[in-house]
Every structure is written in structure tokens, then in C-alpha cells.
Amino acid sequence: MNITIVDVMDAELVELFYKIYSGAFDPVAPLAAARHVLTYAEFAEEMADERIEKHIVWNEVGEPIALATYTRELDSITWVSPAFYARRFPEHFRRNAIVYMGYSLVHPAHQGKGVMSVLLEDTIATVRAVDGVGVFDVCQYNDERHIGYLHKMIEERGMGSIMKIDVQTFYACTFNDTASYVNRETAAAVPA
């Protein structure tokens, strides 16, 4: 296996990796409160954004089998707040050494064959190359099922540590008939 890094992915690869991406993330879509699946157009836009590195893993016969994305241009990811990271990691931010790790995808036919280990080594090399901090986001469903494994693997091998830096919590409210800030008969606001 070898890895190539491209700034802009060609259309054929975008199509291939979108199929893998949607296959991986579609099952999570109804399990996460935030939208976790980019449309094809959004995915293609990221693959054309030169600020986002695309690391492509190729098998021995030259077929693309995995993809990971990274960027140090935090404003290239629409849901990321650069100001949060500037406050949380000021020294890394000043050096442009915060690496947002977008997603890692492995073709289903190559899962369980060591490709994720190759991607993890690539992630480590990418973050360490800038003496940086790698950051990523994950929904609660994946956090409970997969991130624990990642914690264990990284910490048990003495490779580093992972810490939770923020949580977004979604709530749902229902109201009974007596709950109102508006008087229903006069439609006037009830004084506080």
C-alpha cells in the first residue's frame, strides 16, 4: 500500500469515494441529531477545495482503497469555529498547527485488512509533521462505539492521548396546554 496526497481530487475518484463515504455515513444519519452526510455536491466541493488535503491509499495493484482528509485551514470546514480553537490551543493556532481531521474511509472490500492502521499512521505523521494537535468531531453514537477503541489503542501503545474538548447537546421540548408566554384569549404577552 502507498499513499498519495492531492489538493484537488479528480472527478472519477470523487465519484468512487462518495459511494464509500455515503455507504459509511448513511447508517449514522438517523442516529445523529446533526446532519452527518454531505450531499454529493458538498462532498465534491470539499474534494475540489485546495485547502483540504486528500490522502489516498492505493493497494498493490494501483486501486484506490481508502481516503483521509486533513486541513490546517479551519475556516474551510463550515461547522468548525476557528475562534474556539484559537482560544483553546493558542500556541498551536498561532503556528497554524491545528490539524482538523475530516474523515477516514476504507472501501468495504478492504476493511479489516490493516488499512485503518495505515490511515492511523498517516494521521500521526500528518499531525506530528507540524508538531500539532489533531482535532475532529464525532456524534454520540460513534463516540460510544468507536472512539473508546481509539482511546485504548493510542493510550495503551503510549502514542499520545485523546481528550474531549467540547460537547454539543441537542434537546427536545414539549409543552402542555397551560404553558404559554402569550395569553391565548387576548394574544398579549404575559408580563414576566
N, C-alpha and C. Protein backbone atom coordinates (compact mmCIF):
# COMPACT_ATOMS: atom_id res chain seq x y z
N MET A 1 0.84 -1.17 0.00
CA MET A 1 0.00 0.00 0.00
C MET A 1 0.88 1.23 0.00
N ASN A 2 0.43 2.24 -0.73
CA ASN A 2 1.11 3.52 -0.66
C ASN A 2 0.07 4.63 -0.61
N ILE A 3 0.52 5.82 -0.18
CA ILE A 3 -0.38 6.96 -0.01
C ILE A 3 0.10 8.10 -0.88
N THR A 4 -0.86 8.71 -1.58
CA THR A 4 -0.57 9.95 -2.30
C THR A 4 -1.43 11.04 -1.68
N ILE A 5 -0.91 12.26 -1.75
CA ILE A 5 -1.62 13.41 -1.21
C ILE A 5 -1.93 14.34 -2.37
N VAL A 6 -3.21 14.69 -2.49
CA VAL A 6 -3.62 15.61 -3.55
C VAL A 6 -4.39 16.77 -2.94
N ASP A 7 -4.28 17.92 -3.62
CA ASP A 7 -5.05 19.09 -3.19
C ASP A 7 -6.44 19.07 -3.80
N VAL A 8 -6.51 18.61 -5.05
CA VAL A 8 -7.79 18.52 -5.76
C VAL A 8 -7.93 17.11 -6.30
N MET A 9 -9.05 16.48 -5.99
CA MET A 9 -9.28 15.11 -6.43
C MET A 9 -10.00 15.11 -7.78
N ASP A 10 -9.59 14.22 -8.68
CA ASP A 10 -10.26 14.17 -9.98
C ASP A 10 -11.66 13.57 -9.86
N ALA A 11 -12.50 13.90 -10.82
CA ALA A 11 -13.94 13.58 -10.77
C ALA A 11 -14.21 12.09 -10.61
N GLU A 12 -13.42 11.25 -11.26
CA GLU A 12 -13.62 9.80 -11.15
C GLU A 12 -13.44 9.30 -9.72
N LEU A 13 -12.40 9.80 -9.06
CA LEU A 13 -12.15 9.41 -7.68
C LEU A 13 -13.21 10.00 -6.73
N VAL A 14 -13.67 11.21 -7.03
CA VAL A 14 -14.72 11.81 -6.21
C VAL A 14 -15.94 10.90 -6.22
N GLU A 15 -16.31 10.43 -7.39
CA GLU A 15 -17.48 9.55 -7.51
C GLU A 15 -17.27 8.25 -6.73
N LEU A 16 -16.11 7.64 -6.88
CA LEU A 16 -15.82 6.39 -6.16
C LEU A 16 -15.87 6.61 -4.65
N PHE A 17 -15.17 7.64 -4.17
CA PHE A 17 -15.10 7.85 -2.73
C PHE A 17 -16.42 8.35 -2.16
N TYR A 18 -17.25 9.02 -2.95
CA TYR A 18 -18.56 9.42 -2.42
C TYR A 18 -19.41 8.18 -2.15
N LYS A 19 -19.30 7.19 -3.01
CA LYS A 19 -20.06 5.95 -2.78
C LYS A 19 -19.60 5.30 -1.47
N ILE A 20 -18.30 5.27 -1.23
CA ILE A 20 -17.77 4.69 0.01
C ILE A 20 -18.20 5.56 1.20
N TYR A 21 -18.08 6.87 1.05
CA TYR A 21 -18.45 7.82 2.09
C TYR A 21 -19.93 7.66 2.47
N SER A 22 -20.81 7.68 1.48
CA SER A 22 -22.24 7.58 1.80
C SER A 22 -22.56 6.20 2.36
N GLY A 23 -21.89 5.17 1.90
CA GLY A 23 -22.09 3.84 2.46
C GLY A 23 -21.70 3.77 3.93
N ALA A 24 -20.66 4.51 4.28
CA ALA A 24 -20.19 4.52 5.68
C ALA A 24 -21.04 5.41 6.57
N PHE A 25 -21.47 6.56 6.05
CA PHE A 25 -22.16 7.53 6.89
C PHE A 25 -23.68 7.48 6.82
N ASP A 26 -24.25 6.94 5.77
CA ASP A 26 -25.72 6.86 5.67
C ASP A 26 -26.35 6.15 6.87
N PRO A 27 -25.77 5.04 7.35
CA PRO A 27 -26.38 4.37 8.52
C PRO A 27 -26.39 5.23 9.78
N VAL A 28 -25.48 6.19 9.89
CA VAL A 28 -25.41 7.05 11.06
C VAL A 28 -26.42 8.20 10.96
N ALA A 29 -26.84 8.54 9.76
CA ALA A 29 -27.70 9.70 9.54
C ALA A 29 -28.91 9.75 10.47
N PRO A 30 -29.68 8.67 10.64
CA PRO A 30 -30.83 8.77 11.54
C PRO A 30 -30.47 8.64 13.03
N LEU A 31 -29.20 8.43 13.33
CA LEU A 31 -28.76 8.23 14.71
C LEU A 31 -28.11 9.46 15.32
N ALA A 32 -27.88 10.48 14.50
CA ALA A 32 -27.22 11.69 14.98
C ALA A 32 -28.12 12.90 14.76
N ALA A 33 -28.16 13.80 15.74
CA ALA A 33 -29.02 14.98 15.64
C ALA A 33 -28.54 15.95 14.57
N ALA A 34 -27.24 16.08 14.43
CA ALA A 34 -26.69 16.95 13.38
C ALA A 34 -26.59 16.14 12.09
N ARG A 35 -26.73 16.82 11.00
CA ARG A 35 -26.62 16.14 9.70
C ARG A 35 -25.19 15.65 9.52
N HIS A 36 -25.04 14.37 9.32
CA HIS A 36 -23.71 13.76 9.23
C HIS A 36 -23.33 13.32 7.82
N VAL A 37 -24.17 13.55 6.85
CA VAL A 37 -23.86 13.10 5.49
C VAL A 37 -23.90 14.29 4.55
N LEU A 38 -22.77 14.57 3.93
CA LEU A 38 -22.72 15.62 2.93
C LEU A 38 -23.45 15.17 1.67
N THR A 39 -24.04 16.10 0.97
CA THR A 39 -24.60 15.77 -0.35
C THR A 39 -23.43 15.52 -1.29
N TYR A 40 -23.73 14.96 -2.44
CA TYR A 40 -22.67 14.73 -3.42
C TYR A 40 -22.00 16.05 -3.78
N ALA A 41 -22.80 17.11 -3.98
CA ALA A 41 -22.24 18.41 -4.35
C ALA A 41 -21.32 18.95 -3.25
N GLU A 42 -21.72 18.81 -1.99
CA GLU A 42 -20.89 19.28 -0.88
C GLU A 42 -19.60 18.48 -0.78
N PHE A 43 -19.72 17.16 -0.96
CA PHE A 43 -18.54 16.30 -0.93
C PHE A 43 -17.59 16.67 -2.07
N ALA A 44 -18.13 16.85 -3.25
CA ALA A 44 -17.31 17.21 -4.42
C ALA A 44 -16.64 18.57 -4.20
N GLU A 45 -17.35 19.49 -3.56
CA GLU A 45 -16.77 20.80 -3.27
C GLU A 45 -15.58 20.66 -2.33
N GLU A 46 -15.70 19.82 -1.30
CA GLU A 46 -14.56 19.59 -0.41
C GLU A 46 -13.40 18.95 -1.16
N MET A 47 -13.71 18.02 -2.05
CA MET A 47 -12.65 17.33 -2.80
C MET A 47 -11.95 18.28 -3.78
N ALA A 48 -12.61 19.40 -4.12
CA ALA A 48 -12.01 20.40 -5.01
C ALA A 48 -11.36 21.54 -4.24
N ASP A 49 -11.55 21.60 -2.94
CA ASP A 49 -11.01 22.67 -2.10
C ASP A 49 -9.54 22.40 -1.84
N GLU A 50 -8.69 23.25 -2.37
CA GLU A 50 -7.23 23.06 -2.24
C GLU A 50 -6.73 23.20 -0.81
N ARG A 51 -7.55 23.76 0.09
CA ARG A 51 -7.13 23.93 1.48
C ARG A 51 -7.25 22.63 2.26
N ILE A 52 -7.94 21.64 1.68
CA ILE A 52 -8.15 20.36 2.35
C ILE A 52 -7.30 19.31 1.65
N GLU A 53 -6.36 18.71 2.40
CA GLU A 53 -5.53 17.65 1.83
C GLU A 53 -6.33 16.36 1.76
N LYS A 54 -6.20 15.65 0.64
CA LYS A 54 -6.83 14.34 0.48
C LYS A 54 -5.70 13.31 0.42
N HIS A 55 -5.66 12.43 1.40
CA HIS A 55 -4.65 11.37 1.45
C HIS A 55 -5.31 10.09 0.94
N ILE A 56 -4.85 9.62 -0.19
CA ILE A 56 -5.45 8.46 -0.85
C ILE A 56 -4.54 7.25 -0.68
N VAL A 57 -5.12 6.16 -0.18
CA VAL A 57 -4.37 4.91 -0.03
C VAL A 57 -4.66 4.05 -1.25
N TRP A 58 -3.60 3.52 -1.84
CA TRP A 58 -3.70 2.67 -3.03
C TRP A 58 -3.21 1.27 -2.67
N ASN A 59 -3.87 0.25 -3.21
CA ASN A 59 -3.41 -1.11 -2.95
C ASN A 59 -2.26 -1.47 -3.89
N GLU A 60 -1.80 -2.71 -3.78
CA GLU A 60 -0.63 -3.16 -4.54
C GLU A 60 -0.83 -3.13 -6.05
N VAL A 61 -2.07 -3.20 -6.52
CA VAL A 61 -2.32 -3.18 -7.97
C VAL A 61 -2.77 -1.81 -8.46
N GLY A 62 -2.62 -0.79 -7.60
CA GLY A 62 -2.90 0.58 -8.02
C GLY A 62 -4.35 1.03 -7.93
N GLU A 63 -5.16 0.32 -7.12
CA GLU A 63 -6.55 0.73 -6.95
C GLU A 63 -6.69 1.60 -5.71
N PRO A 64 -7.48 2.68 -5.79
CA PRO A 64 -7.70 3.49 -4.60
C PRO A 64 -8.61 2.76 -3.63
N ILE A 65 -8.16 2.61 -2.37
CA ILE A 65 -8.96 1.81 -1.43
C ILE A 65 -9.34 2.57 -0.15
N ALA A 66 -8.74 3.74 0.09
CA ALA A 66 -9.06 4.47 1.31
C ALA A 66 -8.74 5.95 1.12
N LEU A 67 -9.36 6.76 1.97
CA LEU A 67 -9.21 8.20 1.90
C LEU A 67 -9.27 8.79 3.31
N ALA A 68 -8.42 9.76 3.56
CA ALA A 68 -8.50 10.56 4.79
C ALA A 68 -8.31 12.02 4.39
N THR A 69 -9.01 12.92 5.08
CA THR A 69 -8.87 14.35 4.77
C THR A 69 -8.35 15.09 6.00
N TYR A 70 -7.53 16.10 5.73
CA TYR A 70 -6.93 16.92 6.78
C TYR A 70 -6.85 18.36 6.29
N THR A 71 -6.99 19.29 7.22
CA THR A 71 -6.75 20.69 6.88
C THR A 71 -6.26 21.45 8.09
N ARG A 72 -5.40 22.42 7.84
CA ARG A 72 -5.00 23.36 8.88
C ARG A 72 -5.69 24.70 8.66
N GLU A 73 -6.46 24.79 7.61
CA GLU A 73 -7.26 25.99 7.32
C GLU A 73 -8.64 25.73 7.90
N LEU A 74 -8.81 26.02 9.19
CA LEU A 74 -10.02 25.64 9.91
C LEU A 74 -11.28 26.24 9.31
N ASP A 75 -11.17 27.41 8.68
CA ASP A 75 -12.36 28.01 8.08
C ASP A 75 -12.81 27.31 6.80
N SER A 76 -12.07 26.32 6.36
CA SER A 76 -12.50 25.54 5.19
C SER A 76 -13.59 24.54 5.55
N ILE A 77 -13.79 24.29 6.84
CA ILE A 77 -14.84 23.39 7.31
C ILE A 77 -15.94 24.26 7.90
N THR A 78 -17.10 24.28 7.27
CA THR A 78 -18.13 25.27 7.60
C THR A 78 -18.62 25.18 9.04
N TRP A 79 -18.61 24.01 9.65
CA TRP A 79 -19.15 23.89 11.01
C TRP A 79 -18.08 24.06 12.10
N VAL A 80 -16.86 24.34 11.72
CA VAL A 80 -15.78 24.50 12.68
C VAL A 80 -15.63 25.99 13.04
N SER A 81 -15.42 26.26 14.31
CA SER A 81 -15.20 27.63 14.79
C SER A 81 -13.72 27.87 15.02
N PRO A 82 -13.03 28.54 14.10
CA PRO A 82 -11.61 28.83 14.33
C PRO A 82 -11.36 29.58 15.64
N ALA A 83 -12.29 30.45 16.04
CA ALA A 83 -12.12 31.21 17.29
C ALA A 83 -12.05 30.29 18.50
N PHE A 84 -12.84 29.22 18.49
CA PHE A 84 -12.80 28.25 19.60
C PHE A 84 -11.41 27.65 19.71
N TYR A 85 -10.86 27.22 18.59
CA TYR A 85 -9.55 26.57 18.61
C TYR A 85 -8.43 27.57 18.93
N ALA A 86 -8.60 28.82 18.50
CA ALA A 86 -7.61 29.85 18.83
C ALA A 86 -7.57 30.07 20.34
N ARG A 87 -8.74 30.05 20.98
CA ARG A 87 -8.80 30.22 22.44
C ARG A 87 -8.30 28.97 23.15
N ARG A 88 -8.68 27.79 22.65
CA ARG A 88 -8.36 26.51 23.33
C ARG A 88 -6.90 26.11 23.17
N PHE A 89 -6.35 26.36 21.98
CA PHE A 89 -4.96 25.98 21.68
C PHE A 89 -4.22 27.18 21.07
N PRO A 90 -4.01 28.25 21.85
CA PRO A 90 -3.46 29.49 21.28
C PRO A 90 -2.09 29.34 20.62
N GLU A 91 -1.21 28.58 21.26
CA GLU A 91 0.14 28.43 20.69
C GLU A 91 0.09 27.65 19.38
N HIS A 92 -0.67 26.58 19.33
CA HIS A 92 -0.82 25.81 18.09
C HIS A 92 -1.51 26.64 17.01
N PHE A 93 -2.51 27.41 17.41
CA PHE A 93 -3.23 28.24 16.44
C PHE A 93 -2.28 29.27 15.84
N ARG A 94 -1.49 29.90 16.68
CA ARG A 94 -0.53 30.92 16.22
C ARG A 94 0.44 30.33 15.20
N ARG A 95 0.82 29.07 15.40
CA ARG A 95 1.76 28.41 14.47
C ARG A 95 1.07 27.72 13.29
N ASN A 96 -0.25 27.84 13.21
CA ASN A 96 -1.02 27.13 12.18
C ASN A 96 -0.76 25.62 12.28
N ALA A 97 -0.82 25.12 13.51
CA ALA A 97 -0.50 23.71 13.77
C ALA A 97 -1.68 22.94 14.35
N ILE A 98 -2.89 23.40 14.04
CA ILE A 98 -4.08 22.64 14.41
C ILE A 98 -4.55 21.94 13.15
N VAL A 99 -4.59 20.62 13.20
CA VAL A 99 -4.97 19.83 12.03
C VAL A 99 -6.37 19.27 12.26
N TYR A 100 -7.31 19.76 11.47
CA TYR A 100 -8.67 19.21 11.55
C TYR A 100 -8.69 17.94 10.71
N MET A 101 -9.04 16.83 11.36
CA MET A 101 -9.07 15.54 10.69
C MET A 101 -10.52 15.29 10.26
N GLY A 102 -10.78 15.41 8.98
CA GLY A 102 -12.14 15.33 8.46
C GLY A 102 -12.76 13.95 8.60
N TYR A 103 -12.43 13.07 7.71
CA TYR A 103 -12.96 11.71 7.80
C TYR A 103 -11.98 10.74 7.17
N SER A 104 -12.13 9.50 7.59
CA SER A 104 -11.33 8.40 7.07
C SER A 104 -12.28 7.36 6.53
N LEU A 105 -12.05 6.92 5.32
CA LEU A 105 -12.92 5.96 4.66
C LEU A 105 -12.10 4.81 4.10
N VAL A 106 -12.59 3.61 4.29
CA VAL A 106 -11.94 2.43 3.72
C VAL A 106 -12.98 1.70 2.88
N HIS A 107 -12.63 1.36 1.66
CA HIS A 107 -13.52 0.58 0.79
C HIS A 107 -13.93 -0.69 1.53
N PRO A 108 -15.22 -1.03 1.50
CA PRO A 108 -15.70 -2.22 2.25
C PRO A 108 -14.91 -3.50 1.98
N ALA A 109 -14.45 -3.69 0.75
CA ALA A 109 -13.70 -4.91 0.41
C ALA A 109 -12.34 -4.96 1.09
N HIS A 110 -11.89 -3.83 1.64
CA HIS A 110 -10.56 -3.78 2.25
C HIS A 110 -10.62 -3.51 3.76
N GLN A 111 -11.82 -3.50 4.32
CA GLN A 111 -11.95 -3.29 5.75
C GLN A 111 -11.49 -4.54 6.50
N GLY A 112 -10.90 -4.32 7.66
CA GLY A 112 -10.40 -5.43 8.47
C GLY A 112 -9.11 -6.02 7.95
N LYS A 113 -8.43 -5.30 7.06
CA LYS A 113 -7.19 -5.81 6.48
C LYS A 113 -5.99 -4.91 6.75
N GLY A 114 -6.08 -4.13 7.81
CA GLY A 114 -4.95 -3.29 8.20
C GLY A 114 -4.92 -1.91 7.57
N VAL A 115 -5.90 -1.57 6.76
CA VAL A 115 -5.89 -0.27 6.09
C VAL A 115 -6.10 0.86 7.11
N MET A 116 -6.95 0.65 8.12
CA MET A 116 -7.16 1.68 9.13
C MET A 116 -5.87 1.94 9.91
N SER A 117 -5.05 0.92 10.10
CA SER A 117 -3.76 1.13 10.76
C SER A 117 -2.87 2.02 9.91
N VAL A 118 -2.92 1.82 8.60
CA VAL A 118 -2.15 2.67 7.68
C VAL A 118 -2.65 4.11 7.79
N LEU A 119 -3.98 4.28 7.84
CA LEU A 119 -4.53 5.63 7.97
C LEU A 119 -4.17 6.25 9.31
N LEU A 120 -4.17 5.47 10.37
CA LEU A 120 -3.79 6.00 11.68
C LEU A 120 -2.32 6.45 11.67
N GLU A 121 -1.46 5.65 11.09
CA GLU A 121 -0.05 6.05 10.99
C GLU A 121 0.09 7.34 10.18
N ASP A 122 -0.70 7.46 9.12
CA ASP A 122 -0.69 8.67 8.29
C ASP A 122 -1.19 9.86 9.10
N THR A 123 -2.22 9.66 9.90
CA THR A 123 -2.75 10.73 10.76
C THR A 123 -1.68 11.20 11.73
N ILE A 124 -1.03 10.26 12.38
CA ILE A 124 0.03 10.60 13.33
C ILE A 124 1.14 11.39 12.64
N ALA A 125 1.57 10.93 11.47
CA ALA A 125 2.63 11.61 10.74
C ALA A 125 2.19 13.02 10.31
N THR A 126 0.94 13.16 9.90
CA THR A 126 0.42 14.47 9.46
C THR A 126 0.41 15.47 10.60
N VAL A 127 -0.05 15.05 11.76
CA VAL A 127 -0.11 15.95 12.91
C VAL A 127 1.29 16.23 13.46
N ARG A 128 2.11 15.19 13.55
CA ARG A 128 3.46 15.37 14.10
C ARG A 128 4.36 16.19 13.18
N ALA A 129 4.08 16.18 11.89
CA ALA A 129 4.90 16.95 10.94
C ALA A 129 4.88 18.44 11.25
N VAL A 130 3.83 18.91 11.89
CA VAL A 130 3.74 20.33 12.25
C VAL A 130 3.80 20.53 13.77
N ASP A 131 4.20 19.47 14.49
CA ASP A 131 4.20 19.49 15.95
C ASP A 131 2.87 20.04 16.43
N GLY A 132 1.80 19.43 15.88
CA GLY A 132 0.48 19.99 16.07
C GLY A 132 -0.42 19.23 17.01
N VAL A 133 -1.67 19.64 16.98
CA VAL A 133 -2.73 18.96 17.68
C VAL A 133 -3.78 18.60 16.63
N GLY A 134 -4.19 17.35 16.64
CA GLY A 134 -5.21 16.89 15.70
C GLY A 134 -6.57 17.00 16.37
N VAL A 135 -7.55 17.53 15.67
CA VAL A 135 -8.89 17.68 16.21
C VAL A 135 -9.90 17.08 15.24
N PHE A 136 -11.00 16.57 15.80
CA PHE A 136 -12.05 16.00 14.97
C PHE A 136 -13.34 16.05 15.75
N ASP A 137 -14.44 15.82 15.04
CA ASP A 137 -15.73 15.76 15.73
C ASP A 137 -16.36 14.41 15.44
N VAL A 138 -17.25 14.01 16.34
CA VAL A 138 -17.90 12.71 16.22
C VAL A 138 -19.26 12.79 16.91
N CYS A 139 -20.25 12.13 16.37
CA CYS A 139 -21.56 12.11 17.03
C CYS A 139 -21.52 11.15 18.21
N GLN A 140 -22.50 11.27 19.11
CA GLN A 140 -22.55 10.44 20.31
C GLN A 140 -22.56 8.95 19.96
N TYR A 141 -23.30 8.58 18.94
CA TYR A 141 -23.39 7.16 18.54
C TYR A 141 -22.00 6.60 18.26
N ASN A 142 -21.23 7.29 17.42
CA ASN A 142 -19.88 6.81 17.10
C ASN A 142 -18.93 6.99 18.27
N ASP A 143 -19.15 8.03 19.06
CA ASP A 143 -18.30 8.25 20.23
C ASP A 143 -18.37 7.06 21.17
N GLU A 144 -19.58 6.59 21.43
CA GLU A 144 -19.77 5.48 22.35
C GLU A 144 -19.26 4.15 21.79
N ARG A 145 -19.24 4.00 20.49
CA ARG A 145 -18.88 2.72 19.90
C ARG A 145 -17.45 2.63 19.38
N HIS A 146 -16.94 3.73 18.85
CA HIS A 146 -15.64 3.65 18.17
C HIS A 146 -14.51 4.41 18.84
N ILE A 147 -14.82 5.55 19.42
CA ILE A 147 -13.76 6.38 19.96
C ILE A 147 -13.10 5.72 21.17
N GLY A 148 -13.86 4.96 21.94
CA GLY A 148 -13.27 4.22 23.05
C GLY A 148 -12.15 3.30 22.58
N TYR A 149 -12.35 2.66 21.45
CA TYR A 149 -11.33 1.79 20.87
C TYR A 149 -10.10 2.61 20.49
N LEU A 150 -10.33 3.78 19.91
CA LEU A 150 -9.23 4.65 19.51
C LEU A 150 -8.45 5.13 20.73
N HIS A 151 -9.18 5.53 21.79
CA HIS A 151 -8.51 5.91 23.05
C HIS A 151 -7.58 4.79 23.51
N LYS A 152 -8.14 3.61 23.60
CA LYS A 152 -7.41 2.46 24.11
C LYS A 152 -6.15 2.19 23.27
N MET A 153 -6.33 2.19 21.95
CA MET A 153 -5.22 1.88 21.06
C MET A 153 -4.11 2.92 21.20
N ILE A 154 -4.45 4.19 21.21
CA ILE A 154 -3.44 5.25 21.28
C ILE A 154 -2.78 5.30 22.65
N GLU A 155 -3.58 5.23 23.69
CA GLU A 155 -3.02 5.36 25.03
C GLU A 155 -2.26 4.11 25.47
N GLU A 156 -2.77 2.92 25.17
CA GLU A 156 -2.07 1.69 25.57
C GLU A 156 -0.74 1.54 24.86
N ARG A 157 -0.65 2.02 23.65
CA ARG A 157 0.61 1.92 22.91
C ARG A 157 1.55 3.08 23.23
N GLY A 158 1.12 3.97 24.13
CA GLY A 158 1.96 5.10 24.50
C GLY A 158 2.16 6.10 23.37
N MET A 159 1.18 6.16 22.47
CA MET A 159 1.31 7.01 21.29
C MET A 159 0.87 8.44 21.56
N GLY A 160 0.12 8.68 22.62
CA GLY A 160 -0.39 10.02 22.90
C GLY A 160 -1.64 9.93 23.75
N SER A 161 -2.50 10.91 23.62
CA SER A 161 -3.74 10.90 24.38
C SER A 161 -4.84 11.59 23.59
N ILE A 162 -6.06 11.31 23.97
CA ILE A 162 -7.23 11.95 23.36
C ILE A 162 -8.03 12.57 24.49
N MET A 163 -8.46 13.80 24.29
CA MET A 163 -9.29 14.45 25.29
C MET A 163 -10.51 15.07 24.63
N LYS A 164 -11.62 15.02 25.33
CA LYS A 164 -12.84 15.65 24.85
C LYS A 164 -12.72 17.15 25.10
N ILE A 165 -12.93 17.97 24.07
CA ILE A 165 -12.75 19.42 24.24
C ILE A 165 -14.06 20.20 24.17
N ASP A 166 -15.13 19.57 23.71
CA ASP A 166 -16.42 20.25 23.67
C ASP A 166 -17.51 19.22 23.41
N VAL A 167 -18.73 19.58 23.78
CA VAL A 167 -19.88 18.72 23.54
C VAL A 167 -21.03 19.60 23.08
N GLN A 168 -21.71 19.18 22.07
CA GLN A 168 -22.94 19.85 21.62
C GLN A 168 -24.08 18.93 22.01
N THR A 169 -25.02 19.43 22.81
CA THR A 169 -26.14 18.61 23.25
C THR A 169 -27.42 19.12 22.62
N PHE A 170 -28.19 18.22 22.06
CA PHE A 170 -29.47 18.57 21.44
C PHE A 170 -30.59 18.18 22.38
N TYR A 171 -31.57 19.07 22.53
CA TYR A 171 -32.71 18.82 23.40
C TYR A 171 -34.00 18.85 22.60
N ALA A 172 -35.04 18.20 23.13
CA ALA A 172 -36.38 18.28 22.56
C ALA A 172 -37.32 18.72 23.66
N CYS A 173 -38.22 19.65 23.36
CA CYS A 173 -39.18 20.17 24.35
C CYS A 173 -40.60 19.88 23.90
N THR A 174 -41.43 19.56 24.84
CA THR A 174 -42.87 19.51 24.59
C THR A 174 -43.51 20.40 25.64
N PHE A 175 -44.67 20.96 25.32
CA PHE A 175 -45.34 21.88 26.23
C PHE A 175 -46.78 21.46 26.43
N ASN A 176 -47.26 21.59 27.65
CA ASN A 176 -48.65 21.25 27.92
C ASN A 176 -49.54 22.47 27.65
N ASP A 177 -50.84 22.29 27.79
CA ASP A 177 -51.81 23.35 27.45
C ASP A 177 -51.69 24.58 28.34
N THR A 178 -51.15 24.46 29.54
CA THR A 178 -51.07 25.62 30.42
C THR A 178 -49.77 26.40 30.24
N ALA A 179 -48.85 25.87 29.48
CA ALA A 179 -47.57 26.55 29.28
C ALA A 179 -47.67 27.51 28.12
N SER A 180 -47.55 28.80 28.41
CA SER A 180 -47.57 29.79 27.34
C SER A 180 -47.02 31.10 27.85
N TYR A 181 -46.34 31.80 27.01
CA TYR A 181 -45.90 33.14 27.35
C TYR A 181 -46.85 34.16 26.73
N VAL A 182 -47.84 33.69 25.98
CA VAL A 182 -48.84 34.55 25.36
C VAL A 182 -50.20 34.19 25.92
N ASN A 183 -50.96 35.18 26.33
CA ASN A 183 -52.33 34.96 26.77
C ASN A 183 -53.13 34.61 25.53
N ARG A 184 -53.64 33.40 25.46
CA ARG A 184 -54.30 32.93 24.25
C ARG A 184 -55.57 33.72 23.93
N GLU A 185 -56.26 34.26 24.95
CA GLU A 185 -57.51 34.96 24.69
C GLU A 185 -57.27 36.35 24.14
N THR A 186 -56.25 37.04 24.63
CA THR A 186 -56.02 38.42 24.18
C THR A 186 -54.83 38.52 23.23
N ALA A 187 -54.07 37.44 23.13
CA ALA A 187 -52.85 37.41 22.31
C ALA A 187 -51.84 38.46 22.76
N ALA A 188 -51.94 38.85 24.02
CA ALA A 188 -50.98 39.81 24.58
C ALA A 188 -49.91 39.04 25.35
N ALA A 189 -48.74 39.59 25.36
CA ALA A 189 -47.65 38.92 26.09
C ALA A 189 -47.95 38.96 27.58
N VAL A 190 -47.71 37.86 28.23
CA VAL A 190 -47.88 37.78 29.68
C VAL A 190 -46.69 38.44 30.33
N PRO A 191 -46.92 39.36 31.30
CA PRO A 191 -45.78 40.04 31.93
C PRO A 191 -44.88 39.04 32.66
N ALA A 192 -43.61 39.33 32.64
CA ALA A 192 -42.64 38.47 33.29
C ALA A 192 -42.60 38.69 34.77
